[in-house]
Amino acid sequence: MEGLNRIAELRANVFGLNIEPELERFIKDMRDRRDINHKQNERALAAIFFMAKIPAERHGVNISNLTTDEKRELVKAMNHFRAVVSLFPKRLTMPN
């Protein structure tokens, strides 16, 4: 996870990349009510916000209204999930 966070820092500092447009797209997609998985997407998004230690009353705000620290914590939480998913079993099966 530290490596993913370090890479995110380098992308911002060295290449001047701004994550905000990508975060906006991601959150918009996750909140899309037309998506058949909308309920599960909302739950997953809430889990990410929770991991980022963003208070529940702020989970519905636009990315532009989050503080810089909140955005940093959001990226860290997303990197944490990315690292955890890589540990999932390779061939998941449903129990009988």
PDB file of N, CA and C in Angstrom:
ATOM      1  N   MET A   1       0.817  -1.192   0.000  1.00  0.00           N
ATOM      2  CA  MET A   1       0.000   0.000   0.000  1.00  0.00           C
ATOM      3  C   MET A   1       0.863   1.259   0.000  1.00  0.00           C
ATOM      4  N   GLU A   2       1.923   1.218   0.778  1.00  0.00           N
ATOM      5  CA  GLU A   2       2.799   2.394   0.819  1.00  0.00           C
ATOM      6  C   GLU A   2       3.366   2.692  -0.566  1.00  0.00           C
ATOM      7  N   GLY A   3       3.669   1.634  -1.308  1.00  0.00           N
ATOM      8  CA  GLY A   3       4.179   1.824  -2.667  1.00  0.00           C
ATOM      9  C   GLY A   3       3.158   2.493  -3.574  1.00  0.00           C
ATOM     10  N   LEU A   4       1.897   2.065  -3.467  1.00  0.00           N
ATOM     11  CA  LEU A   4       0.834   2.678  -4.273  1.00  0.00           C
ATOM     12  C   LEU A   4       0.645   4.144  -3.903  1.00  0.00           C
ATOM     13  N   ASN A   5       0.705   4.433  -2.614  1.00  0.00           N
ATOM     14  CA  ASN A   5       0.555   5.823  -2.172  1.00  0.00           C
ATOM     15  C   ASN A   5       1.741   6.668  -2.621  1.00  0.00           C
ATOM     16  N   ARG A   6       2.939   6.084  -2.595  1.00  0.00           N
ATOM     17  CA  ARG A   6       4.133   6.810  -3.035  1.00  0.00           C
ATOM     18  C   ARG A   6       4.049   7.111  -4.535  1.00  0.00           C
ATOM     19  N   ILE A   7       3.587   6.145  -5.297  1.00  0.00           N
ATOM     20  CA  ILE A   7       3.424   6.357  -6.743  1.00  0.00           C
ATOM     21  C   ILE A   7       2.411   7.466  -7.003  1.00  0.00           C
ATOM     22  N   ALA A   8       1.332   7.489  -6.227  1.00  0.00           N
ATOM     23  CA  ALA A   8       0.320   8.549  -6.375  1.00  0.00           C
ATOM     24  C   ALA A   8       0.929   9.915  -6.077  1.00  0.00           C
ATOM     25  N   GLU A   9       1.792   9.973  -5.054  1.00  0.00           N
ATOM     26  CA  GLU A   9       2.487  11.233  -4.730  1.00  0.00           C
ATOM     27  C   GLU A   9       3.382  11.666  -5.894  1.00  0.00           C
ATOM     28  N   LEU A  10       4.131  10.724  -6.440  1.00  0.00           N
ATOM     29  CA  LEU A  10       5.032  11.046  -7.547  1.00  0.00           C
ATOM     30  C   LEU A  10       4.273  11.520  -8.777  1.00  0.00           C
ATOM     31  N   ARG A  11       3.158  10.869  -9.076  1.00  0.00           N
ATOM     32  CA  ARG A  11       2.352  11.301 -10.226  1.00  0.00           C
ATOM     33  C   ARG A  11       1.924  12.753 -10.070  1.00  0.00           C
ATOM     34  N   ALA A  12       1.572  13.123  -8.854  1.00  0.00           N
ATOM     35  CA  ALA A  12       1.134  14.501  -8.608  1.00  0.00           C
ATOM     36  C   ALA A  12       2.309  15.468  -8.664  1.00  0.00           C
ATOM     37  N   ASN A  13       3.407  15.112  -8.002  1.00  0.00           N
ATOM     38  CA  ASN A  13       4.539  16.034  -7.878  1.00  0.00           C
ATOM     39  C   ASN A  13       5.398  16.123  -9.133  1.00  0.00           C
ATOM     40  N   VAL A  14       5.696  14.996  -9.743  1.00  0.00           N
ATOM     41  CA  VAL A  14       6.605  14.979 -10.889  1.00  0.00           C
ATOM     42  C   VAL A  14       5.878  15.309 -12.186  1.00  0.00           C
ATOM     43  N   PHE A  15       4.722  14.685 -12.379  1.00  0.00           N
ATOM     44  CA  PHE A  15       4.010  14.852 -13.642  1.00  0.00           C
ATOM     45  C   PHE A  15       2.907  15.896 -13.573  1.00  0.00           C
ATOM     46  N   GLY A  16       2.630  16.403 -12.380  1.00  0.00           N
ATOM     47  CA  GLY A  16       1.596  17.418 -12.226  1.00  0.00           C
ATOM     48  C   GLY A  16       0.198  16.913 -12.507  1.00  0.00           C
ATOM     49  N   LEU A  17      -0.012  15.603 -12.356  1.00  0.00           N
ATOM     50  CA  LEU A  17      -1.330  15.034 -12.634  1.00  0.00           C
ATOM     51  C   LEU A  17      -2.311  15.391 -11.527  1.00  0.00           C
ATOM     52  N   ASN A  18      -3.534  15.687 -11.926  1.00  0.00           N
ATOM     53  CA  ASN A  18      -4.603  16.049 -10.997  1.00  0.00           C
ATOM     54  C   ASN A  18      -5.620  14.911 -10.971  1.00  0.00           C
ATOM     55  N   ILE A  19      -5.828  14.322  -9.807  1.00  0.00           N
ATOM     56  CA  ILE A  19      -6.723  13.177  -9.664  1.00  0.00           C
ATOM     57  C   ILE A  19      -8.192  13.587  -9.645  1.00  0.00           C
ATOM     58  N   GLU A  20      -8.468  14.846  -9.402  1.00  0.00           N
ATOM     59  CA  GLU A  20      -9.856  15.273  -9.195  1.00  0.00           C
ATOM     60  C   GLU A  20     -10.812  14.862 -10.321  1.00  0.00           C
ATOM     61  N   PRO A  21     -10.468  15.056 -11.598  1.00  0.00           N
ATOM     62  CA  PRO A  21     -11.403  14.632 -12.655  1.00  0.00           C
ATOM     63  C   PRO A  21     -11.688  13.128 -12.629  1.00  0.00           C
ATOM     64  N   GLU A  22     -10.666  12.320 -12.345  1.00  0.00           N
ATOM     65  CA  GLU A  22     -10.870  10.871 -12.276  1.00  0.00           C
ATOM     66  C   GLU A  22     -11.720  10.494 -11.066  1.00  0.00           C
ATOM     67  N   LEU A  23     -11.501  11.162  -9.939  1.00  0.00           N
ATOM     68  CA  LEU A  23     -12.334  10.905  -8.759  1.00  0.00           C
ATOM     69  C   LEU A  23     -13.780  11.291  -9.033  1.00  0.00           C
ATOM     70  N   GLU A  24     -13.979  12.425  -9.704  1.00  0.00           N
ATOM     71  CA  GLU A  24     -15.338  12.857 -10.052  1.00  0.00           C
ATOM     72  C   GLU A  24     -16.031  11.826 -10.936  1.00  0.00           C
ATOM     73  N   ARG A  25     -15.318  11.321 -11.945  1.00  0.00           N
ATOM     74  CA  ARG A  25     -15.879  10.312 -12.838  1.00  0.00           C
ATOM     75  C   ARG A  25     -16.227   9.041 -12.068  1.00  0.00           C
ATOM     76  N   PHE A  26     -15.308   8.587 -11.220  1.00  0.00           N
ATOM     77  CA  PHE A  26     -15.527   7.371 -10.442  1.00  0.00           C
ATOM     78  C   PHE A  26     -16.760   7.506  -9.548  1.00  0.00           C
ATOM     79  N   ILE A  27     -16.852   8.599  -8.823  1.00  0.00           N
ATOM     80  CA  ILE A  27     -17.972   8.780  -7.894  1.00  0.00           C
ATOM     81  C   ILE A  27     -19.280   8.941  -8.662  1.00  0.00           C
ATOM     82  N   LYS A  28     -19.242   9.648  -9.779  1.00  0.00           N
ATOM     83  CA  LYS A  28     -20.451   9.783 -10.605  1.00  0.00           C
ATOM     84  C   LYS A  28     -20.925   8.411 -11.078  1.00  0.00           C
ATOM     85  N   ASP A  29     -19.999   7.587 -11.540  1.00  0.00           N
ATOM     86  CA  ASP A  29     -20.350   6.235 -11.980  1.00  0.00           C
ATOM     87  C   ASP A  29     -20.911   5.405 -10.832  1.00  0.00           C
ATOM     88  N   MET A  30     -20.315   5.515  -9.669  1.00  0.00           N
ATOM     89  CA  MET A  30     -20.768   4.734  -8.513  1.00  0.00           C
ATOM     90  C   MET A  30     -22.146   5.190  -8.025  1.00  0.00           C
ATOM     91  N   ARG A  31     -22.482   6.445  -8.249  1.00  0.00           N
ATOM     92  CA  ARG A  31     -23.772   6.984  -7.804  1.00  0.00           C
ATOM     93  C   ARG A  31     -24.860   6.904  -8.875  1.00  0.00           C
ATOM     94  N   ASP A  32     -24.543   6.368 -10.029  1.00  0.00           N
ATOM     95  CA  ASP A  32     -25.482   6.310 -11.153  1.00  0.00           C
ATOM     96  C   ASP A  32     -26.670   5.412 -10.812  1.00  0.00           C
ATOM     97  N   ARG A  33     -27.842   6.016 -10.667  1.00  0.00           N
ATOM     98  CA  ARG A  33     -29.055   5.279 -10.297  1.00  0.00           C
ATOM     99  C   ARG A  33     -29.542   4.352 -11.411  1.00  0.00           C
ATOM    100  N   ARG A  34     -29.098   4.580 -12.641  1.00  0.00           N
ATOM    101  CA  ARG A  34     -29.508   3.717 -13.758  1.00  0.00           C
ATOM    102  C   ARG A  34     -28.738   2.403 -13.789  1.00  0.00           C
ATOM    103  N   ASP A  35     -27.636   2.358 -13.070  1.00  0.00           N
ATOM    104  CA  ASP A  35     -26.824   1.143 -13.025  1.00  0.00           C
ATOM    105  C   ASP A  35     -27.571   0.055 -12.266  1.00  0.00           C
ATOM    106  N   ILE A  36     -27.602  -1.128 -12.827  1.00  0.00           N
ATOM    107  CA  ILE A  36     -28.311  -2.243 -12.197  1.00  0.00           C
ATOM    108  C   ILE A  36     -27.735  -2.570 -10.813  1.00  0.00           C
ATOM    109  N   ASN A  37     -26.474  -2.246 -10.598  1.00  0.00           N
ATOM    110  CA  ASN A  37     -25.801  -2.507  -9.323  1.00  0.00           C
ATOM    111  C   ASN A  37     -25.752  -1.282  -8.420  1.00  0.00           C
ATOM    112  N   HIS A  38     -26.638  -0.333  -8.647  1.00  0.00           N
ATOM    113  CA  HIS A  38     -26.605   0.938  -7.921  1.00  0.00           C
ATOM    114  C   HIS A  38     -26.519   0.760  -6.406  1.00  0.00           C
ATOM    115  N   LYS A  39     -27.365  -0.080  -5.835  1.00  0.00           N
ATOM    116  CA  LYS A  39     -27.385  -0.256  -4.368  1.00  0.00           C
ATOM    117  C   LYS A  39     -26.033  -0.763  -3.863  1.00  0.00           C
ATOM    118  N   GLN A  40     -25.487  -1.761  -4.541  1.00  0.00           N
ATOM    119  CA  GLN A  40     -24.195  -2.304  -4.129  1.00  0.00           C
ATOM    120  C   GLN A  40     -23.074  -1.283  -4.357  1.00  0.00           C
ATOM    121  N   ASN A  41     -23.162  -0.519  -5.434  1.00  0.00           N
ATOM    122  CA  ASN A  41     -22.163   0.515  -5.699  1.00  0.00           C
ATOM    123  C   ASN A  41     -22.178   1.577  -4.607  1.00  0.00           C
ATOM    124  N   GLU A  42     -23.369   1.968  -4.167  1.00  0.00           N
ATOM    125  CA  GLU A  42     -23.486   2.952  -3.081  1.00  0.00           C
ATOM    126  C   GLU A  42     -22.857   2.411  -1.802  1.00  0.00           C
ATOM    127  N   ARG A  43     -23.073   1.134  -1.529  1.00  0.00           N
ATOM    128  CA  ARG A  43     -22.492   0.514  -0.335  1.00  0.00           C
ATOM    129  C   ARG A  43     -20.965   0.480  -0.440  1.00  0.00           C
ATOM    130  N   ALA A  44     -20.457   0.128  -1.614  1.00  0.00           N
ATOM    131  CA  ALA A  44     -19.010   0.087  -1.817  1.00  0.00           C
ATOM    132  C   ALA A  44     -18.416   1.485  -1.669  1.00  0.00           C
ATOM    133  N   LEU A  45     -19.091   2.477  -2.225  1.00  0.00           N
ATOM    134  CA  LEU A  45     -18.620   3.854  -2.114  1.00  0.00           C
ATOM    135  C   LEU A  45     -18.622   4.308  -0.658  1.00  0.00           C
ATOM    136  N   ALA A  46     -19.668   3.943   0.084  1.00  0.00           N
ATOM    137  CA  ALA A  46     -19.727   4.284   1.511  1.00  0.00           C
ATOM    138  C   ALA A  46     -18.566   3.640   2.262  1.00  0.00           C
ATOM    139  N   ALA A  47     -18.206   2.415   1.891  1.00  0.00           N
ATOM    140  CA  ALA A  47     -17.079   1.739   2.537  1.00  0.00           C
ATOM    141  C   ALA A  47     -15.773   2.481   2.266  1.00  0.00           C
ATOM    142  N   ILE A  48     -15.607   2.964   1.048  1.00  0.00           N
ATOM    143  CA  ILE A  48     -14.396   3.715   0.704  1.00  0.00           C
ATOM    144  C   ILE A  48     -14.343   5.014   1.500  1.00  0.00           C
ATOM    145  N   PHE A  49     -15.463   5.733   1.561  1.00  0.00           N
ATOM    146  CA  PHE A  49     -15.504   6.972   2.343  1.00  0.00           C
ATOM    147  C   PHE A  49     -15.240   6.684   3.820  1.00  0.00           C
ATOM    148  N   PHE A  50     -15.788   5.579   4.330  1.00  0.00           N
ATOM    149  CA  PHE A  50     -15.559   5.192   5.719  1.00  0.00           C
ATOM    150  C   PHE A  50     -14.075   4.931   5.956  1.00  0.00           C
ATOM    151  N   MET A  51     -13.441   4.174   5.049  1.00  0.00           N
ATOM    152  CA  MET A  51     -12.009   3.888   5.172  1.00  0.00           C
ATOM    153  C   MET A  51     -11.183   5.172   5.126  1.00  0.00           C
ATOM    154  N   ALA A  52     -11.682   6.169   4.408  1.00  0.00           N
ATOM    155  CA  ALA A  52     -10.986   7.454   4.300  1.00  0.00           C
ATOM    156  C   ALA A  52     -11.257   8.352   5.504  1.00  0.00           C
ATOM    157  N   LYS A  53     -12.042   7.846   6.451  1.00  0.00           N
ATOM    158  CA  LYS A  53     -12.388   8.590   7.673  1.00  0.00           C
ATOM    159  C   LYS A  53     -13.133   9.887   7.367  1.00  0.00           C
ATOM    160  N   ILE A  54     -13.920   9.872   6.300  1.00  0.00           N
ATOM    161  CA  ILE A  54     -14.750  11.027   5.951  1.00  0.00           C
ATOM    162  C   ILE A  54     -16.087  10.829   6.648  1.00  0.00           C
ATOM    163  N   PRO A  55     -16.538  11.814   7.434  1.00  0.00           N
ATOM    164  CA  PRO A  55     -17.794  11.664   8.187  1.00  0.00           C
ATOM    165  C   PRO A  55     -18.976  11.348   7.267  1.00  0.00           C
ATOM    166  N   ALA A  56     -19.895  10.533   7.774  1.00  0.00           N
ATOM    167  CA  ALA A  56     -21.046  10.072   6.987  1.00  0.00           C
ATOM    168  C   ALA A  56     -21.833  11.229   6.385  1.00  0.00           C
ATOM    169  N   GLU A  57     -21.948  12.329   7.101  1.00  0.00           N
ATOM    170  CA  GLU A  57     -22.725  13.460   6.582  1.00  0.00           C
ATOM    171  C   GLU A  57     -22.055  14.121   5.375  1.00  0.00           C
ATOM    172  N   ARG A  58     -20.786  13.779   5.102  1.00  0.00           N
ATOM    173  CA  ARG A  58     -20.078  14.350   3.950  1.00  0.00           C
ATOM    174  C   ARG A  58     -19.958  13.355   2.792  1.00  0.00           C
ATOM    175  N   HIS A  59     -20.512  12.162   2.939  1.00  0.00           N
ATOM    176  CA  HIS A  59     -20.394  11.148   1.887  1.00  0.00           C
ATOM    177  C   HIS A  59     -21.094  11.559   0.599  1.00  0.00           C
ATOM    178  N   GLY A  60     -22.054  12.450   0.656  1.00  0.00           N
ATOM    179  CA  GLY A  60     -22.797  12.842  -0.534  1.00  0.00           C
ATOM    180  C   GLY A  60     -22.277  14.085  -1.229  1.00  0.00           C
ATOM    181  N   VAL A  61     -21.212  14.689  -0.715  1.00  0.00           N
ATOM    182  CA  VAL A  61     -20.728  15.943  -1.308  1.00  0.00           C
ATOM    183  C   VAL A  61     -19.976  15.678  -2.605  1.00  0.00           C
ATOM    184  N   ASN A  62     -19.872  16.708  -3.421  1.00  0.00           N
ATOM    185  CA  ASN A  62     -19.077  16.635  -4.648  1.00  0.00           C
ATOM    186  C   ASN A  62     -17.596  16.633  -4.281  1.00  0.00           C
ATOM    187  N   ILE A  63     -16.797  16.037  -5.135  1.00  0.00           N
ATOM    188  CA  ILE A  63     -15.349  15.978  -4.903  1.00  0.00           C
ATOM    189  C   ILE A  63     -14.775  17.374  -4.705  1.00  0.00           C
ATOM    190  N   SER A  64     -15.256  18.336  -5.451  1.00  0.00           N
ATOM    191  CA  SER A  64     -14.725  19.701  -5.346  1.00  0.00           C
ATOM    192  C   SER A  64     -14.972  20.311  -3.968  1.00  0.00           C
ATOM    193  N   ASN A  65     -15.913  19.746  -3.216  1.00  0.00           N
ATOM    194  CA  ASN A  65     -16.202  20.257  -1.873  1.00  0.00           C
ATOM    195  C   ASN A  65     -15.440  19.527  -0.775  1.00  0.00           C
ATOM    196  N   LEU A  66     -14.667  18.514  -1.148  1.00  0.00           N
ATOM    197  CA  LEU A  66     -13.838  17.829  -0.162  1.00  0.00           C
ATOM    198  C   LEU A  66     -12.561  18.627   0.062  1.00  0.00           C
ATOM    199  N   THR A  67     -12.036  18.547   1.264  1.00  0.00           N
ATOM    200  CA  THR A  67     -10.771  19.217   1.551  1.00  0.00           C
ATOM    201  C   THR A  67      -9.633  18.441   0.888  1.00  0.00           C
ATOM    202  N   THR A  68      -8.479  19.069   0.791  1.00  0.00           N
ATOM    203  CA  THR A  68      -7.308  18.389   0.234  1.00  0.00           C
ATOM    204  C   THR A  68      -6.976  17.156   1.057  1.00  0.00           C
ATOM    205  N   ASP A  69      -7.050  17.270   2.383  1.00  0.00           N
ATOM    206  CA  ASP A  69      -6.775  16.118   3.247  1.00  0.00           C
ATOM    207  C   ASP A  69      -7.779  14.998   3.015  1.00  0.00           C
ATOM    208  N   GLU A  70      -9.050  15.335   2.832  1.00  0.00           N
ATOM    209  CA  GLU A  70     -10.064  14.312   2.568  1.00  0.00           C
ATOM    210  C   GLU A  70      -9.793  13.610   1.237  1.00  0.00           C
ATOM    211  N   LYS A  71      -9.385  14.363   0.233  1.00  0.00           N
ATOM    212  CA  LYS A  71      -9.059  13.761  -1.066  1.00  0.00           C
ATOM    213  C   LYS A  71      -7.851  12.834  -0.937  1.00  0.00           C
ATOM    214  N   ARG A  72      -6.860  13.259  -0.167  1.00  0.00           N
ATOM    215  CA  ARG A  72      -5.675  12.416   0.059  1.00  0.00           C
ATOM    216  C   ARG A  72      -6.074  11.111   0.736  1.00  0.00           C
ATOM    217  N   GLU A  73      -6.921  11.219   1.757  1.00  0.00           N
ATOM    218  CA  GLU A  73      -7.370  10.027   2.478  1.00  0.00           C
ATOM    219  C   GLU A  73      -8.223   9.134   1.583  1.00  0.00           C
ATOM    220  N   LEU A  74      -8.984   9.741   0.688  1.00  0.00           N
ATOM    221  CA  LEU A  74      -9.797   8.974  -0.258  1.00  0.00           C
ATOM    222  C   LEU A  74      -8.897   8.163  -1.191  1.00  0.00           C
ATOM    223  N   VAL A  75      -7.848   8.786  -1.704  1.00  0.00           N
ATOM    224  CA  VAL A  75      -6.899   8.082  -2.571  1.00  0.00           C
ATOM    225  C   VAL A  75      -6.218   6.957  -1.794  1.00  0.00           C
ATOM    226  N   LYS A  76      -5.831   7.225  -0.554  1.00  0.00           N
ATOM    227  CA  LYS A  76      -5.204   6.181   0.266  1.00  0.00           C
ATOM    228  C   LYS A  76      -6.158   5.014   0.489  1.00  0.00           C
ATOM    229  N   ALA A  77      -7.428   5.317   0.754  1.00  0.00           N
ATOM    230  CA  ALA A  77      -8.421   4.255   0.963  1.00  0.00           C
ATOM    231  C   ALA A  77      -8.603   3.442  -0.315  1.00  0.00           C
ATOM    232  N   MET A  78      -8.647   4.109  -1.454  1.00  0.00           N
ATOM    233  CA  MET A  78      -8.802   3.402  -2.726  1.00  0.00           C
ATOM    234  C   MET A  78      -7.583   2.520  -2.994  1.00  0.00           C
ATOM    235  N   ASN A  79      -6.394   3.021  -2.684  1.00  0.00           N
ATOM    236  CA  ASN A  79      -5.189   2.210  -2.840  1.00  0.00           C
ATOM    237  C   ASN A  79      -5.213   1.009  -1.896  1.00  0.00           C
ATOM    238  N   HIS A  80      -5.753   1.202  -0.695  1.00  0.00           N
ATOM    239  CA  HIS A  80      -5.876   0.097   0.259  1.00  0.00           C
ATOM    240  C   HIS A  80      -6.778  -0.991  -0.328  1.00  0.00           C
ATOM    241  N   PHE A  81      -7.925  -0.592  -0.859  1.00  0.00           N
ATOM    242  CA  PHE A  81      -8.825  -1.565  -1.476  1.00  0.00           C
ATOM    243  C   PHE A  81      -8.159  -2.248  -2.665  1.00  0.00           C
ATOM    244  N   ARG A  82      -7.425  -1.490  -3.453  1.00  0.00           N
ATOM    245  CA  ARG A  82      -6.726  -2.069  -4.604  1.00  0.00           C
ATOM    246  C   ARG A  82      -5.745  -3.153  -4.137  1.00  0.00           C
ATOM    247  N   ALA A  83      -5.011  -2.879  -3.063  1.00  0.00           N
ATOM    248  CA  ALA A  83      -4.056  -3.854  -2.536  1.00  0.00           C
ATOM    249  C   ALA A  83      -4.770  -5.078  -1.968  1.00  0.00           C
ATOM    250  N   VAL A  84      -5.867  -4.856  -1.261  1.00  0.00           N
ATOM    251  CA  VAL A  84      -6.611  -5.964  -0.655  1.00  0.00           C
ATOM    252  C   VAL A  84      -7.221  -6.865  -1.726  1.00  0.00           C
ATOM    253  N   VAL A  85      -7.780  -6.271  -2.765  1.00  0.00           N
ATOM    254  CA  VAL A  85      -8.398  -7.063  -3.832  1.00  0.00           C
ATOM    255  C   VAL A  85      -7.368  -7.990  -4.473  1.00  0.00           C
ATOM    256  N   SER A  86      -6.133  -7.562  -4.549  1.00  0.00           N
ATOM    257  CA  SER A  86      -5.096  -8.415  -5.145  1.00  0.00           C
ATOM    258  C   SER A  86      -4.854  -9.674  -4.314  1.00  0.00           C
ATOM    259  N   LEU A  87      -5.304  -9.674  -3.065  1.00  0.00           N
ATOM    260  CA  LEU A  87      -5.140 -10.841  -2.191  1.00  0.00           C
ATOM    261  C   LEU A  87      -6.333 -11.795  -2.232  1.00  0.00           C
ATOM    262  N   PHE A  88      -7.404 -11.401  -2.910  1.00  0.00           N
ATOM    263  CA  PHE A  88      -8.589 -12.262  -2.993  1.00  0.00           C
ATOM    264  C   PHE A  88      -8.205 -13.619  -3.587  1.00  0.00           C
ATOM    265  N   PRO A  89      -8.932 -14.675  -3.214  1.00  0.00           N
ATOM    266  CA  PRO A  89      -8.710 -15.969  -3.867  1.00  0.00           C
ATOM    267  C   PRO A  89      -8.918 -15.828  -5.379  1.00  0.00           C
ATOM    268  N   LYS A  90      -8.139 -16.561  -6.138  1.00  0.00           N
ATOM    269  CA  LYS A  90      -8.169 -16.431  -7.600  1.00  0.00           C
ATOM    270  C   LYS A  90      -9.448 -16.981  -8.222  1.00  0.00           C
ATOM    271  N   ARG A  91      -9.953 -18.073  -7.694  1.00  0.00           N
ATOM    272  CA  ARG A  91     -11.131 -18.709  -8.291  1.00  0.00           C
ATOM    273  C   ARG A  91     -12.236 -18.815  -7.256  1.00  0.00           C
ATOM    274  N   LEU A  92     -12.962 -17.741  -7.091  1.00  0.00           N
ATOM    275  CA  LEU A  92     -14.065 -17.745  -6.137  1.00  0.00           C
ATOM    276  C   LEU A  92     -15.199 -18.620  -6.655  1.00  0.00           C
ATOM    277  N   THR A  93     -15.797 -19.378  -5.767  1.00  0.00           N
ATOM    278  CA  THR A  93     -16.969 -20.180  -6.118  1.00  0.00           C
ATOM    279  C   THR A  93     -18.042 -19.934  -5.075  1.00  0.00           C
ATOM    280  N   MET A  94     -19.282 -20.077  -5.495  1.00  0.00           N
ATOM    281  CA  MET A  94     -20.402 -19.927  -4.570  1.00  0.00           C
ATOM    282  C   MET A  94     -20.532 -21.193  -3.738  1.00  0.00           C
ATOM    283  N   PRO A  95     -20.802 -21.037  -2.440  1.00  0.00           N
ATOM    284  CA  PRO A  95     -21.003 -22.236  -1.620  1.00  0.00           C
ATOM    285  C   PRO A  95     -22.277 -22.963  -2.044  1.00  0.00           C
ATOM    286  N   ASN A  96     -22.277 -24.268  -1.870  1.00  0.00           N
ATOM    287  CA  ASN A  96     -23.457 -25.082  -2.226  1.00  0.00           C
ATOM    288  C   ASN A  96     -24.518 -24.979  -1.163  1.00  0.00           C
TER     289      ASN A  96
END
